[in-house]
Amino acid sequence: MTKEMVISVESPVADLGNVAGGIWPAVAPLVLRHIRASSTTLVFVNNRAQAEKIAARVNALAEEEIALPYHGSLARERRFTLEERLKAGSLRALITTSSLELGIDIGSVDLVIQLQSPKRVASALQRIGRAGHTLGVPSRGILVPTFRDDAVEIAAIVAAMRGGEVEPTHVVQNALDVLAQVIVAAVSVDDWRSEDLFRLVRRSYPYHQLTRSAFDEVLAMLSGKYPSEIAAELDPLSNIIHEGGGYLMALQRRYPEAIEAYRRITRLDPTGYKAYTSMGRCHALAGQYPEALAMLQKGRGLTGDVPSILAAMAHKHAAH
């Protein structure tokens, strides 16, 4: 079964090579005309600023609030309100970026307008495919070029859409920056043994060839190991993750007060370390958070009495 698509290309002016005064004043009437001819319309643009400007132009021309911008810079509550208004029919159109390209439930959409080339066949198919989510109803889309090269690119994309020539998908392998974010997210809500988390990560295709040494290097980086002198000022005591007793502990989550106090002792901050230079304060801190400080002590390779170490470090920094 193949979903039917009705695709057209419509120029806002008779000659894209001869546009006096700019193209956008001619785009707004075209968009407004199609919005008024449909119950619900999505207008896709390629950046957030354009979404704001087109919405303003269309509303000024309509002399009513007929379309509103929708993009990732809006607060979640604002985006949800716009989605519900479009679904309920109290708003005729959204001028959106790729934020509405995938998945979000916005109800039935009659028409999709794409302003300028979407750059990729897959994006064009996905965006126009948001229209006509009813059995037997085609997905209707209009692509609007704004200059000559744009028109050529759109023509090529439409031909590829009709021929089913979608770009190949290349899955990035072993993206360590993304892996670091995944690890931080995982340990922020639960404790993990490093080998268990490694096995879980390897179950996803982008990391199915990840080596244990690369995984361990990411853990080390998150624990305060940095590769150059440039990052020496990034104190390992500010660890997001610490490996102790076989577990990846989110210390900031489990011991937020202890970690902040420890940072204040060792940070070069006169207002911070002075509050903890006395041995009594250091003993109190060690007694209140023994497990957290023991893990930090182990991570720094420090030996000796924890309160004495804290006091010594505080006095050392005070001397600088």
Protein backbone atom coordinates (compact mmCIF):
# COMPACT_ATOMS: atom_id res chain seq x y z
CA MET A 1 0.00 0.00 0.00
CA THR A 2 1.40 3.38 -1.02
CA LYS A 3 0.29 6.69 0.46
CA GLU A 4 -0.84 9.06 -2.28
CA MET A 5 0.82 12.46 -2.36
CA VAL A 6 -0.38 15.51 -4.28
CA ILE A 7 2.67 17.74 -4.67
CA SER A 8 2.91 21.04 -6.50
CA VAL A 9 5.44 23.84 -6.88
CA GLU A 10 4.13 27.40 -6.79
CA SER A 11 6.15 30.55 -7.35
CA PRO A 12 5.08 33.71 -5.48
CA VAL A 13 6.06 35.86 -8.49
CA ALA A 14 5.97 35.49 -12.26
CA ASP A 15 9.77 35.67 -12.64
CA LEU A 16 12.11 34.68 -9.80
CA GLY A 17 14.99 36.28 -11.67
CA ASN A 18 13.35 39.69 -11.61
CA VAL A 19 12.13 40.51 -8.10
CA ALA A 20 11.90 44.15 -7.11
CA GLY A 21 11.71 45.00 -3.42
CA GLY A 22 12.35 41.50 -2.14
CA ILE A 23 10.44 38.22 -2.41
CA TRP A 24 8.83 37.95 1.02
CA PRO A 25 6.08 40.57 0.52
CA ALA A 26 4.85 38.33 -2.31
CA VAL A 27 5.12 35.13 -0.24
CA ALA A 28 2.74 36.24 2.53
CA PRO A 29 -0.35 36.62 0.27
CA LEU A 30 0.29 33.18 -1.24
CA VAL A 31 0.53 31.60 2.20
CA LEU A 32 -2.57 33.41 3.47
CA ARG A 33 -4.61 32.36 0.46
CA HIS A 34 -3.85 28.70 1.02
CA ILE A 35 -4.43 28.94 4.78
CA ARG A 36 -7.90 30.37 4.20
CA ALA A 37 -8.68 27.67 1.63
CA SER A 38 -7.86 24.88 4.12
CA SER A 39 -9.08 23.93 7.56
CA THR A 40 -5.64 23.31 9.06
CA THR A 41 -2.26 24.19 7.55
CA LEU A 42 1.36 23.62 8.50
CA VAL A 43 3.85 26.01 6.94
CA PHE A 44 7.43 24.75 7.19
CA VAL A 45 10.36 27.17 7.08
CA ASN A 46 14.07 26.54 7.54
CA ASN A 47 14.84 28.63 10.62
CA ARG A 48 13.20 30.11 13.69
CA ALA A 49 13.57 33.76 12.72
CA GLN A 50 11.77 33.05 9.46
CA ALA A 51 8.92 31.39 11.35
CA GLU A 52 8.43 34.54 13.44
CA LYS A 53 8.63 36.90 10.45
CA ILE A 54 6.26 34.92 8.20
CA ALA A 55 3.68 34.59 10.99
CA ALA A 56 3.81 38.34 11.59
CA ARG A 57 3.46 39.14 7.87
CA VAL A 58 0.54 36.75 7.39
CA ASN A 59 -1.34 38.02 10.45
CA ALA A 60 -0.80 41.65 9.46
CA LEU A 61 -2.14 40.91 6.00
CA ALA A 62 -5.10 38.92 7.37
CA GLU A 63 -5.83 41.55 10.03
CA GLU A 64 -6.40 38.71 12.48
CA GLU A 65 -4.41 36.06 14.32
CA ILE A 66 -4.67 33.27 11.80
CA ALA A 67 -1.17 31.75 12.13
CA LEU A 68 1.40 31.58 14.90
CA PRO A 69 5.09 30.59 14.98
CA TYR A 70 6.13 27.26 16.49
CA HIS A 71 9.77 26.29 17.13
CA GLY A 72 12.14 24.86 19.70
CA SER A 73 12.91 28.19 21.39
CA LEU A 74 9.36 28.44 22.72
CA ALA A 75 8.62 27.20 26.22
CA ARG A 76 7.20 23.68 26.42
CA GLU A 77 3.92 25.01 27.83
CA ARG A 78 3.61 27.45 24.93
CA ARG A 79 4.25 24.71 22.36
CA PHE A 80 1.65 22.47 24.00
CA THR A 81 -0.94 25.29 23.91
CA LEU A 82 -0.30 25.86 20.20
CA GLU A 83 -0.59 22.13 19.46
CA GLU A 84 -3.91 21.96 21.30
CA ARG A 85 -5.27 25.06 19.56
CA LEU A 86 -4.42 23.68 16.15
CA LYS A 87 -5.97 20.34 17.05
CA ALA A 88 -9.14 22.01 18.36
CA GLY A 89 -9.49 24.20 15.27
CA SER A 90 -9.18 27.53 17.10
CA LEU A 91 -5.97 28.25 15.17
CA ARG A 92 -5.83 27.82 11.40
CA ALA A 93 -2.08 27.45 10.88
CA LEU A 94 1.32 27.06 12.47
CA ILE A 95 4.48 28.44 10.91
CA THR A 96 7.04 25.91 12.04
CA THR A 97 10.57 24.62 11.72
CA SER A 98 11.57 20.97 11.79
CA SER A 99 10.12 20.84 15.33
CA LEU A 100 6.84 19.52 13.88
CA GLU A 101 8.46 17.26 11.29
CA LEU A 102 8.13 14.17 13.46
CA GLY A 103 5.67 12.55 15.75
CA ILE A 104 3.89 15.31 17.70
CA ASP A 105 0.11 14.87 17.75
CA ILE A 106 -1.47 17.96 16.24
CA GLY A 107 -4.63 16.37 14.86
CA SER A 108 -5.68 16.40 11.25
CA VAL A 109 -3.73 18.60 8.81
CA ASP A 110 -5.22 19.48 5.40
CA LEU A 111 -2.22 21.09 3.75
CA VAL A 112 1.52 21.48 4.16
CA ILE A 113 3.36 24.44 2.63
CA GLN A 114 7.15 24.32 2.42
CA LEU A 115 8.80 27.71 1.98
CA GLN A 116 12.13 27.31 0.18
CA SER A 117 13.85 23.99 -0.41
CA PRO A 118 13.75 21.51 2.49
CA LYS A 119 17.28 20.48 1.33
CA ARG A 120 16.63 16.75 1.60
CA VAL A 121 14.15 14.37 -0.05
CA ALA A 122 13.55 12.61 3.26
CA SER A 123 12.64 15.90 4.96
CA ALA A 124 10.24 16.83 2.17
CA LEU A 125 8.50 13.45 2.38
CA GLN A 126 8.28 13.63 6.15
CA ARG A 127 6.89 17.17 6.20
CA ILE A 128 4.32 16.78 3.45
CA GLY A 129 3.41 13.43 4.95
CA ARG A 130 2.02 15.29 7.99
CA ALA A 131 -1.01 16.19 5.86
CA GLY A 132 -3.89 13.83 5.08
CA HIS A 133 -3.66 11.42 8.02
CA THR A 134 -7.04 9.93 7.10
CA LEU A 135 -7.66 6.71 5.23
CA GLY A 136 -8.05 7.39 1.52
CA VAL A 137 -7.05 11.06 1.78
CA PRO A 138 -3.86 12.11 -0.06
CA SER A 139 -1.10 14.15 1.56
CA ARG A 140 -1.17 17.57 -0.08
CA GLY A 141 1.92 19.72 -0.21
CA ILE A 142 3.01 22.93 -1.92
CA LEU A 143 6.67 23.88 -2.24
CA VAL A 144 7.39 27.58 -2.69
CA PRO A 145 10.77 28.67 -4.13
CA THR A 146 12.05 32.17 -3.38
CA PHE A 147 14.92 32.45 -5.91
CA ARG A 148 16.00 30.69 -9.11
CA ASP A 149 18.51 28.23 -7.67
CA ASP A 150 15.96 27.40 -4.99
CA ALA A 151 13.43 26.56 -7.72
CA VAL A 152 15.92 24.22 -9.44
CA GLU A 153 16.65 22.45 -6.17
CA ILE A 154 12.95 22.08 -5.38
CA ALA A 155 12.28 20.66 -8.86
CA ALA A 156 14.97 18.03 -8.30
CA ILE A 157 13.63 17.15 -4.86
CA VAL A 158 10.05 16.78 -6.14
CA ALA A 159 11.24 14.49 -8.93
CA ALA A 160 13.13 12.37 -6.41
CA MET A 161 10.09 12.25 -4.10
CA ARG A 162 7.92 10.93 -6.91
CA GLY A 163 10.59 8.39 -7.86
CA GLY A 164 11.13 7.22 -4.28
CA GLU A 165 14.79 8.21 -4.37
CA VAL A 166 15.43 8.93 -0.71
CA GLU A 167 18.95 9.70 0.50
CA PRO A 168 20.78 6.80 2.16
CA THR A 169 20.92 6.89 5.94
CA HIS A 170 24.36 6.77 7.52
CA VAL A 171 24.37 5.86 11.22
CA VAL A 172 27.22 7.54 13.07
CA GLN A 173 29.26 4.98 14.99
CA ASN A 174 30.70 5.42 18.49
CA ALA A 175 29.86 9.11 18.98
CA LEU A 176 31.64 9.61 22.29
CA ASP A 177 30.17 13.06 22.97
CA VAL A 178 26.67 11.60 22.81
CA LEU A 179 27.79 8.62 24.90
CA ALA A 180 28.97 11.01 27.62
CA GLN A 181 25.53 12.63 27.74
CA VAL A 182 23.85 9.21 27.91
CA ILE A 183 26.07 8.14 30.80
CA VAL A 184 25.41 11.33 32.75
CA ALA A 185 21.66 10.92 32.21
CA ALA A 186 21.74 7.27 33.30
CA VAL A 187 23.68 7.79 36.53
CA SER A 188 21.72 10.90 37.46
CA VAL A 189 18.68 8.73 38.22
CA ASP A 190 20.21 5.40 39.29
CA ASP A 191 23.41 3.62 40.34
CA TRP A 192 25.11 1.48 37.69
CA ARG A 193 27.94 -1.01 37.69
CA SER A 194 30.28 0.08 34.91
CA GLU A 195 30.17 -3.33 33.20
CA ASP A 196 26.35 -3.33 33.23
CA LEU A 197 26.16 0.11 31.66
CA PHE A 198 28.76 -0.88 29.06
CA ARG A 199 26.69 -3.94 28.08
CA LEU A 200 23.54 -1.82 27.81
CA VAL A 201 25.25 0.74 25.58
CA ARG A 202 26.62 -1.98 23.30
CA ARG A 203 23.09 -3.24 22.66
CA SER A 204 22.30 -0.14 20.59
CA TYR A 205 23.45 -0.25 16.98
CA PRO A 206 25.48 3.02 16.98
CA TYR A 207 27.64 1.54 19.77
CA HIS A 208 27.66 -2.17 18.91
CA GLN A 209 31.39 -1.97 18.12
CA LEU A 210 32.34 0.28 21.04
CA THR A 211 35.47 -0.95 22.79
CA ARG A 212 35.73 -1.16 26.55
CA SER A 213 38.83 1.05 26.48
CA ALA A 214 36.92 3.85 24.70
CA PHE A 215 34.05 3.50 27.19
CA ASP A 216 36.46 3.68 30.11
CA GLU A 217 38.10 6.81 28.66
CA VAL A 218 34.71 8.52 28.58
CA LEU A 219 34.15 7.55 32.22
CA ALA A 220 37.59 8.90 33.09
CA MET A 221 36.88 12.17 31.29
CA LEU A 222 33.60 12.56 33.19
CA SER A 223 35.45 11.82 36.43
CA GLY A 224 37.90 14.66 35.93
CA LYS A 225 40.65 13.28 33.71
CA TYR A 226 41.46 15.85 31.04
CA PRO A 227 43.90 15.38 28.15
CA SER A 228 45.86 18.61 28.23
CA GLU A 229 47.36 21.32 30.38
CA ILE A 230 44.75 23.72 29.02
CA ALA A 231 42.05 22.05 31.11
CA ALA A 232 44.14 21.73 34.26
CA GLU A 233 42.02 24.33 36.03
CA LEU A 234 38.98 22.02 35.71
CA ASP A 235 39.21 20.53 39.20
CA PRO A 236 38.49 16.78 39.28
CA LEU A 237 36.72 17.42 42.58
CA SER A 238 33.87 18.78 40.50
CA ASN A 239 33.25 15.26 39.19
CA ILE A 240 29.90 14.45 37.70
CA ILE A 241 30.65 10.76 38.01
CA HIS A 242 32.94 8.85 40.34
CA GLU A 243 33.70 5.15 40.15
CA GLY A 244 33.94 3.68 43.61
CA GLY A 245 33.31 0.17 44.86
CA GLY A 246 32.47 -0.97 41.33
CA TYR A 247 29.62 1.54 40.99
CA LEU A 248 29.19 4.69 38.97
CA MET A 249 27.95 7.06 41.60
CA ALA A 250 26.20 10.31 40.77
CA LEU A 251 27.72 12.11 43.74
CA GLN A 252 26.09 15.41 42.94
CA ARG A 253 22.70 13.70 43.12
CA ARG A 254 23.33 11.64 46.26
CA TYR A 255 25.42 14.09 48.29
CA PRO A 256 24.74 17.58 46.92
CA GLU A 257 25.58 19.41 50.16
CA ALA A 258 28.77 17.44 50.75
CA ILE A 259 30.04 17.98 47.25
CA GLU A 260 29.30 21.69 47.35
CA ALA A 261 31.09 21.98 50.70
CA TYR A 262 34.10 20.05 49.38
CA ARG A 263 34.21 22.29 46.33
CA ARG A 264 34.19 25.35 48.56
CA ILE A 265 37.16 24.01 50.52
CA THR A 266 39.33 23.26 47.51
CA ARG A 267 38.23 25.96 45.11
CA LEU A 268 40.34 29.11 44.88
CA ASP A 269 37.57 31.24 46.28
CA PRO A 270 38.37 33.36 49.35
CA THR A 271 34.76 33.55 50.48
CA GLY A 272 34.39 29.78 50.24
CA TYR A 273 37.47 28.24 51.78
CA LYS A 274 37.68 30.63 54.74
CA ALA A 275 34.44 29.20 56.06
CA TYR A 276 36.04 25.75 56.27
CA THR A 277 39.62 26.39 57.36
CA SER A 278 39.01 25.34 60.95
CA MET A 279 39.67 21.72 61.90
CA GLY A 280 36.30 21.61 63.65
CA ARG A 281 34.42 22.42 60.45
CA CYS A 282 36.40 19.78 58.56
CA HIS A 283 35.67 17.13 61.17
CA ALA A 284 31.97 18.03 61.06
CA LEU A 285 31.92 17.72 57.27
CA ALA A 286 33.71 14.35 57.33
CA GLY A 287 31.40 13.04 60.04
CA GLN A 288 28.26 14.11 58.22
CA TYR A 289 29.18 12.66 54.82
CA PRO A 290 31.71 9.88 55.44
CA GLU A 291 30.88 7.77 52.40
CA ALA A 292 30.91 10.67 49.95
CA LEU A 293 34.21 12.04 51.22
CA ALA A 294 35.80 8.59 51.31
CA MET A 295 34.94 8.16 47.64
CA LEU A 296 36.35 11.57 46.81
CA GLN A 297 39.50 10.79 48.81
CA LYS A 298 39.95 7.53 46.90
CA GLY A 299 39.39 9.29 43.56
CA ARG A 300 42.15 11.81 44.32
CA GLY A 301 44.57 9.12 45.57
CA LEU A 302 44.75 10.83 48.97
CA THR A 303 45.78 8.99 52.13
CA GLY A 304 45.41 9.87 55.74
CA ASP A 305 42.74 11.32 58.00
CA VAL A 306 40.00 12.96 55.92
CA PRO A 307 39.46 15.99 58.19
CA SER A 308 43.22 16.64 58.31
CA ILE A 309 43.44 16.40 54.52
CA LEU A 310 40.54 18.84 54.15
CA ALA A 311 42.08 21.31 56.54
CA ALA A 312 45.48 21.05 54.87
CA MET A 313 43.99 21.64 51.44
CA ALA A 314 42.01 24.61 52.70
CA HIS A 315 45.11 26.19 54.27
CA LYS A 316 47.14 25.47 51.13
CA HIS A 317 44.61 27.31 48.96
CA ALA A 318 44.34 30.14 51.49
CA ALA A 319 48.08 30.73 51.11
CA HIS A 320 47.75 31.35 47.33
